[in-house]
Amino acid sequence: MTADGYPTGLESVERLRGGTAVRFRPIHPGDGEGLVAFHDGLSPRSVYRRFFFVHPHLTASEVERFTRVDYVDRLAFAVLDGERIVAVGRYERIPGTTEAEVAFVVTDDHQHLGIGTLLLDHLADAARPHGIDRFTAQTLSDNRDMLGVFLASGFPVGTSSDAGTVTLRFPIAVTDGYRAARASRRGAGAP
């Protein structure tokens, strides 16, 4: 950990389906321009699936909020292919609880390579030491890819539906089922 609290121990390189190596690292305030470029490069469909509304550009206050995290109750990972951000995943603790909301988005050209699954693993690994033991997420009911990431994670996921959205809640403890799912993904060449 650096003097400013940046958790260098969370940085890693992962190999995706197809062999591309990408770098996972906690986001930091210097990522503002890269985050704007990342968001501006998303398709309208990907933006809608993340925010649930048309949101073509991030505001200055959103960039500030998304890049300034405390690495404890609020953490985000940037996934970089070279110097380009190709995915962002984050958790934010629900105040006064041991539960955090989790969300992520991946550029269209890097979808279906296993980044979402890896982000979920990294976020859970980072959250546990800070007393977070449960994640919650919301996704659109037609977002089968995102639902698949959660349902195939190995965590015991509970779901409820309302007005076109699905809420997922699950403990993030490392169980035999989670270990087996993670090993199977990695053993099959998929993250």
C-alpha atoms as a PDB file:
ATOM      1  CA  MET A   1       0.000   0.000   0.000  1.00  0.00           C
ATOM      2  CA  THR A   2       1.310   3.448  -0.846  1.00  0.00           C
ATOM      3  CA  ALA A   3       1.323   6.420   1.525  1.00  0.00           C
ATOM      4  CA  ASP A   4      -1.937   7.718   0.030  1.00  0.00           C
ATOM      5  CA  GLY A   5      -3.692   4.398   0.709  1.00  0.00           C
ATOM      6  CA  TYR A   6      -3.535   3.046  -2.853  1.00  0.00           C
ATOM      7  CA  PRO A   7      -3.553  -0.786  -2.521  1.00  0.00           C
ATOM      8  CA  THR A   8      -0.749  -1.888  -4.859  1.00  0.00           C
ATOM      9  CA  GLY A   9      -1.278  -5.487  -3.692  1.00  0.00           C
ATOM     10  CA  LEU A  10      -4.548  -5.608  -5.665  1.00  0.00           C
ATOM     11  CA  GLU A  11      -2.797  -5.113  -9.009  1.00  0.00           C
ATOM     12  CA  SER A  12      -2.505  -8.172 -11.244  1.00  0.00           C
ATOM     13  CA  VAL A  13      -2.238  -9.359 -14.816  1.00  0.00           C
ATOM     14  CA  GLU A  14      -4.862 -11.799 -16.066  1.00  0.00           C
ATOM     15  CA  ARG A  15      -5.063 -13.761 -19.284  1.00  0.00           C
ATOM     16  CA  LEU A  16      -8.436 -13.635 -21.061  1.00  0.00           C
ATOM     17  CA  ARG A  17     -10.116 -16.126 -23.331  1.00  0.00           C
ATOM     18  CA  GLY A  18      -8.130 -15.992 -26.542  1.00  0.00           C
ATOM     19  CA  GLY A  19      -4.890 -15.296 -24.688  1.00  0.00           C
ATOM     20  CA  THR A  20      -4.855 -11.496 -24.366  1.00  0.00           C
ATOM     21  CA  ALA A  21      -3.205 -10.301 -21.153  1.00  0.00           C
ATOM     22  CA  VAL A  22      -4.870  -7.369 -19.381  1.00  0.00           C
ATOM     23  CA  ARG A  23      -3.971  -5.524 -16.203  1.00  0.00           C
ATOM     24  CA  PHE A  24      -6.387  -5.237 -13.284  1.00  0.00           C
ATOM     25  CA  ARG A  25      -5.667  -2.407 -10.881  1.00  0.00           C
ATOM     26  CA  PRO A  26      -7.579  -0.198  -8.481  1.00  0.00           C
ATOM     27  CA  ILE A  27      -8.782   3.005 -10.073  1.00  0.00           C
ATOM     28  CA  HIS A  28      -7.165   6.254  -8.941  1.00  0.00           C
ATOM     29  CA  PRO A  29      -7.772   9.995  -9.437  1.00  0.00           C
ATOM     30  CA  GLY A  30      -5.349  10.112 -12.379  1.00  0.00           C
ATOM     31  CA  ASP A  31      -7.715   7.889 -14.383  1.00  0.00           C
ATOM     32  CA  GLY A  32     -10.193  10.686 -15.130  1.00  0.00           C
ATOM     33  CA  GLU A  33      -9.324  11.197 -18.814  1.00  0.00           C
ATOM     34  CA  GLY A  34      -9.076   7.472 -19.430  1.00  0.00           C
ATOM     35  CA  LEU A  35     -12.446   6.897 -17.759  1.00  0.00           C
ATOM     36  CA  VAL A  36     -14.079   9.572 -19.931  1.00  0.00           C
ATOM     37  CA  ALA A  37     -12.582   8.006 -23.077  1.00  0.00           C
ATOM     38  CA  PHE A  38     -13.715   4.567 -21.899  1.00  0.00           C
ATOM     39  CA  HIS A  39     -17.287   5.731 -21.324  1.00  0.00           C
ATOM     40  CA  ASP A  40     -17.407   7.703 -24.585  1.00  0.00           C
ATOM     41  CA  GLY A  41     -16.302   4.546 -26.440  1.00  0.00           C
ATOM     42  CA  LEU A  42     -19.119   2.378 -25.091  1.00  0.00           C
ATOM     43  CA  SER A  43     -22.044   1.579 -27.343  1.00  0.00           C
ATOM     44  CA  PRO A  44     -25.391   3.123 -26.378  1.00  0.00           C
ATOM     45  CA  ARG A  45     -26.570  -0.401 -25.526  1.00  0.00           C
ATOM     46  CA  SER A  46     -23.685  -1.002 -23.091  1.00  0.00           C
ATOM     47  CA  VAL A  47     -24.224   2.386 -21.431  1.00  0.00           C
ATOM     48  CA  TYR A  48     -27.950   1.703 -21.081  1.00  0.00           C
ATOM     49  CA  ARG A  49     -27.280  -1.719 -19.570  1.00  0.00           C
ATOM     50  CA  ARG A  50     -24.968  -0.140 -16.967  1.00  0.00           C
ATOM     51  CA  PHE A  51     -26.951   3.002 -16.061  1.00  0.00           C
ATOM     52  CA  PHE A  52     -30.502   1.939 -17.117  1.00  0.00           C
ATOM     53  CA  PHE A  53     -30.877   5.172 -19.086  1.00  0.00           C
ATOM     54  CA  VAL A  54     -29.260   6.954 -22.024  1.00  0.00           C
ATOM     55  CA  HIS A  55     -26.100   8.543 -20.650  1.00  0.00           C
ATOM     56  CA  PRO A  56     -23.678   9.412 -23.451  1.00  0.00           C
ATOM     57  CA  HIS A  57     -21.145  11.404 -21.397  1.00  0.00           C
ATOM     58  CA  LEU A  58     -19.919  11.401 -17.814  1.00  0.00           C
ATOM     59  CA  THR A  59     -20.201  14.663 -15.909  1.00  0.00           C
ATOM     60  CA  ALA A  60     -17.205  16.151 -14.107  1.00  0.00           C
ATOM     61  CA  SER A  61     -18.773  15.248 -10.756  1.00  0.00           C
ATOM     62  CA  GLU A  62     -19.290  11.633 -11.889  1.00  0.00           C
ATOM     63  CA  VAL A  63     -15.655  11.385 -12.990  1.00  0.00           C
ATOM     64  CA  GLU A  64     -14.590  12.761  -9.611  1.00  0.00           C
ATOM     65  CA  ARG A  65     -16.817  10.311  -7.722  1.00  0.00           C
ATOM     66  CA  PHE A  66     -15.883   7.311  -9.851  1.00  0.00           C
ATOM     67  CA  THR A  67     -12.106   7.892  -9.615  1.00  0.00           C
ATOM     68  CA  ARG A  68     -11.841   8.983  -5.977  1.00  0.00           C
ATOM     69  CA  VAL A  69     -12.552   5.931  -3.870  1.00  0.00           C
ATOM     70  CA  ASP A  70     -11.425   5.019  -0.361  1.00  0.00           C
ATOM     71  CA  TYR A  71     -10.391   1.427  -1.298  1.00  0.00           C
ATOM     72  CA  VAL A  72     -12.356   0.130   1.706  1.00  0.00           C
ATOM     73  CA  ASP A  73     -16.060   0.972   1.479  1.00  0.00           C
ATOM     74  CA  ARG A  74     -15.808   2.120  -2.141  1.00  0.00           C
ATOM     75  CA  LEU A  75     -13.456   0.378  -4.543  1.00  0.00           C
ATOM     76  CA  ALA A  76     -13.221   0.210  -8.305  1.00  0.00           C
ATOM     77  CA  PHE A  77     -10.978  -1.781 -10.597  1.00  0.00           C
ATOM     78  CA  ALA A  78      -9.877  -0.487 -13.970  1.00  0.00           C
ATOM     79  CA  VAL A  79      -8.988  -3.176 -16.486  1.00  0.00           C
ATOM     80  CA  LEU A  80      -6.382  -2.029 -18.997  1.00  0.00           C
ATOM     81  CA  ASP A  81      -5.431  -3.464 -22.353  1.00  0.00           C
ATOM     82  CA  GLY A  82      -2.161  -1.616 -22.869  1.00  0.00           C
ATOM     83  CA  GLU A  83      -2.937   1.895 -21.627  1.00  0.00           C
ATOM     84  CA  ARG A  84      -6.632   1.786 -22.593  1.00  0.00           C
ATOM     85  CA  ILE A  85      -9.320   1.175 -19.974  1.00  0.00           C
ATOM     86  CA  VAL A  86     -11.515  -1.634 -21.326  1.00  0.00           C
ATOM     87  CA  ALA A  87     -13.611  -2.372 -18.230  1.00  0.00           C
ATOM     88  CA  VAL A  88     -14.478  -0.959 -14.842  1.00  0.00           C
ATOM     89  CA  GLY A  89     -15.981  -2.835 -11.922  1.00  0.00           C
ATOM     90  CA  ARG A  90     -16.840  -1.387  -8.559  1.00  0.00           C
ATOM     91  CA  TYR A  91     -18.403  -2.062  -5.227  1.00  0.00           C
ATOM     92  CA  GLU A  92     -19.884   0.415  -2.790  1.00  0.00           C
ATOM     93  CA  ARG A  93     -20.804  -0.569   0.739  1.00  0.00           C
ATOM     94  CA  ILE A  94     -24.399   0.088   1.753  1.00  0.00           C
ATOM     95  CA  PRO A  95     -23.888   2.374   4.785  1.00  0.00           C
ATOM     96  CA  GLY A  96     -24.112   0.638   8.150  1.00  0.00           C
ATOM     97  CA  THR A  97     -24.116  -2.869   6.652  1.00  0.00           C
ATOM     98  CA  THR A  98     -21.769  -5.643   5.575  1.00  0.00           C
ATOM     99  CA  GLU A  99     -23.347  -5.565   2.097  1.00  0.00           C
ATOM    100  CA  ALA A 100     -22.089  -3.749  -0.988  1.00  0.00           C
ATOM    101  CA  GLU A 101     -23.633  -2.991  -4.343  1.00  0.00           C
ATOM    102  CA  VAL A 102     -21.523  -4.218  -7.232  1.00  0.00           C
ATOM    103  CA  ALA A 103     -21.587  -3.100 -10.872  1.00  0.00           C
ATOM    104  CA  PHE A 104     -19.364  -3.320 -13.908  1.00  0.00           C
ATOM    105  CA  VAL A 105     -19.211  -2.535 -17.583  1.00  0.00           C
ATOM    106  CA  VAL A 106     -16.919  -3.823 -20.328  1.00  0.00           C
ATOM    107  CA  THR A 107     -16.194  -2.245 -23.711  1.00  0.00           C
ATOM    108  CA  ASP A 108     -18.044  -3.926 -26.536  1.00  0.00           C
ATOM    109  CA  ASP A 109     -14.853  -5.223 -28.159  1.00  0.00           C
ATOM    110  CA  HIS A 110     -13.780  -6.943 -24.917  1.00  0.00           C
ATOM    111  CA  GLN A 111     -17.104  -8.548 -23.988  1.00  0.00           C
ATOM    112  CA  HIS A 112     -17.390 -12.361 -23.858  1.00  0.00           C
ATOM    113  CA  LEU A 113     -13.706 -12.756 -22.917  1.00  0.00           C
ATOM    114  CA  GLY A 114     -14.248 -13.428 -19.210  1.00  0.00           C
ATOM    115  CA  ILE A 115     -13.573  -9.923 -17.847  1.00  0.00           C
ATOM    116  CA  GLY A 116     -16.906  -9.696 -16.006  1.00  0.00           C
ATOM    117  CA  THR A 117     -16.240 -12.931 -14.151  1.00  0.00           C
ATOM    118  CA  LEU A 118     -12.718 -11.835 -13.274  1.00  0.00           C
ATOM    119  CA  LEU A 119     -14.004  -8.486 -12.037  1.00  0.00           C
ATOM    120  CA  LEU A 120     -16.494 -10.227  -9.772  1.00  0.00           C
ATOM    121  CA  ASP A 121     -13.714 -12.438  -8.370  1.00  0.00           C
ATOM    122  CA  HIS A 122     -11.374  -9.474  -7.810  1.00  0.00           C
ATOM    123  CA  LEU A 123     -14.090  -7.356  -6.196  1.00  0.00           C
ATOM    124  CA  ALA A 124     -15.104 -10.158  -3.831  1.00  0.00           C
ATOM    125  CA  ASP A 125     -11.465 -10.852  -2.927  1.00  0.00           C
ATOM    126  CA  ALA A 126     -10.924  -7.150  -2.175  1.00  0.00           C
ATOM    127  CA  ALA A 127     -14.181  -6.703  -0.217  1.00  0.00           C
ATOM    128  CA  ARG A 128     -13.881  -9.626   2.207  1.00  0.00           C
ATOM    129  CA  PRO A 129     -10.959  -8.227   4.263  1.00  0.00           C
ATOM    130  CA  HIS A 130     -12.990  -5.037   4.832  1.00  0.00           C
ATOM    131  CA  GLY A 131     -15.914  -6.845   6.451  1.00  0.00           C
ATOM    132  CA  ILE A 132     -18.122  -6.970   3.378  1.00  0.00           C
ATOM    133  CA  ASP A 133     -19.721 -10.395   3.196  1.00  0.00           C
ATOM    134  CA  ARG A 134     -22.546  -9.955   0.695  1.00  0.00           C
ATOM    135  CA  PHE A 135     -22.989  -8.358  -2.724  1.00  0.00           C
ATOM    136  CA  THR A 136     -26.129  -7.041  -4.339  1.00  0.00           C
ATOM    137  CA  ALA A 137     -26.517  -6.067  -7.977  1.00  0.00           C
ATOM    138  CA  GLN A 138     -29.211  -4.911 -10.328  1.00  0.00           C
ATOM    139  CA  THR A 139     -29.342  -5.691 -13.996  1.00  0.00           C
ATOM    140  CA  LEU A 140     -31.884  -5.446 -16.738  1.00  0.00           C
ATOM    141  CA  SER A 141     -33.830  -8.678 -17.110  1.00  0.00           C
ATOM    142  CA  ASP A 142     -32.813  -8.961 -20.784  1.00  0.00           C
ATOM    143  CA  ASN A 143     -29.102  -8.672 -19.965  1.00  0.00           C
ATOM    144  CA  ARG A 144     -28.458 -12.408 -20.152  1.00  0.00           C
ATOM    145  CA  ASP A 145     -24.678 -11.962 -20.269  1.00  0.00           C
ATOM    146  CA  MET A 146     -24.570 -10.149 -16.937  1.00  0.00           C
ATOM    147  CA  LEU A 147     -27.047 -12.538 -15.344  1.00  0.00           C
ATOM    148  CA  GLY A 148     -24.853 -15.394 -16.550  1.00  0.00           C
ATOM    149  CA  VAL A 149     -21.771 -13.933 -14.877  1.00  0.00           C
ATOM    150  CA  PHE A 150     -23.521 -13.858 -11.516  1.00  0.00           C
ATOM    151  CA  LEU A 151     -25.361 -17.166 -11.818  1.00  0.00           C
ATOM    152  CA  ALA A 152     -22.239 -19.076 -12.928  1.00  0.00           C
ATOM    153  CA  SER A 153     -20.005 -17.463 -10.296  1.00  0.00           C
ATOM    154  CA  GLY A 154     -20.254 -20.287  -7.788  1.00  0.00           C
ATOM    155  CA  PHE A 155     -21.813 -17.963  -5.210  1.00  0.00           C
ATOM    156  CA  PRO A 156     -25.322 -18.959  -4.050  1.00  0.00           C
ATOM    157  CA  VAL A 157     -27.241 -16.206  -5.881  1.00  0.00           C
ATOM    158  CA  GLY A 158     -30.805 -15.287  -4.984  1.00  0.00           C
ATOM    159  CA  THR A 159     -32.835 -13.234  -7.447  1.00  0.00           C
ATOM    160  CA  SER A 160     -35.990 -11.177  -7.530  1.00  0.00           C
ATOM    161  CA  SER A 161     -37.569  -9.374 -10.479  1.00  0.00           C
ATOM    162  CA  ASP A 162     -39.462  -6.126 -10.735  1.00  0.00           C
ATOM    163  CA  ALA A 163     -40.414  -3.951 -13.718  1.00  0.00           C
ATOM    164  CA  GLY A 164     -37.780  -5.250 -16.131  1.00  0.00           C
ATOM    165  CA  THR A 165     -34.919  -5.454 -13.654  1.00  0.00           C
ATOM    166  CA  VAL A 166     -33.445  -8.324 -11.704  1.00  0.00           C
ATOM    167  CA  THR A 167     -31.968  -7.827  -8.249  1.00  0.00           C
ATOM    168  CA  LEU A 168     -29.338 -10.361  -7.260  1.00  0.00           C
ATOM    169  CA  ARG A 169     -28.093 -10.904  -3.703  1.00  0.00           C
ATOM    170  CA  PHE A 170     -25.440 -13.330  -2.612  1.00  0.00           C
ATOM    171  CA  PRO A 171     -22.878 -14.002   0.082  1.00  0.00           C
ATOM    172  CA  ILE A 172     -19.280 -13.763  -1.149  1.00  0.00           C
ATOM    173  CA  ALA A 173     -17.726 -16.264   1.260  1.00  0.00           C
ATOM    174  CA  VAL A 174     -15.266 -18.673  -0.301  1.00  0.00           C
ATOM    175  CA  THR A 175     -17.163 -21.957  -0.278  1.00  0.00           C
ATOM    176  CA  ASP A 176     -16.464 -25.304  -1.882  1.00  0.00           C
ATOM    177  CA  GLY A 177     -18.988 -24.432  -4.601  1.00  0.00           C
ATOM    178  CA  TYR A 178     -17.249 -21.135  -5.345  1.00  0.00           C
ATOM    179  CA  ARG A 179     -13.796 -22.771  -5.338  1.00  0.00           C
ATOM    180  CA  ALA A 180     -15.010 -25.460  -7.746  1.00  0.00           C
ATOM    181  CA  ALA A 181     -16.619 -22.935 -10.122  1.00  0.00           C
ATOM    182  CA  ARG A 182     -13.511 -20.734 -10.103  1.00  0.00           C
ATOM    183  CA  ALA A 183     -11.198 -23.717 -10.683  1.00  0.00           C
ATOM    184  CA  SER A 184     -13.421 -25.001 -13.471  1.00  0.00           C
ATOM    185  CA  ARG A 185     -13.381 -21.634 -15.228  1.00  0.00           C
ATOM    186  CA  ARG A 186      -9.638 -21.367 -14.987  1.00  0.00           C
ATOM    187  CA  GLY A 187      -9.041 -25.015 -15.855  1.00  0.00           C
ATOM    188  CA  ALA A 188     -11.154 -24.748 -18.993  1.00  0.00           C
ATOM    189  CA  GLY A 189      -9.001 -21.884 -20.214  1.00  0.00           C
ATOM    190  CA  ALA A 190     -11.671 -19.361 -19.356  1.00  0.00           C
ATOM    191  CA  PRO A 191     -11.280 -16.959 -16.439  1.00  0.00           C
END
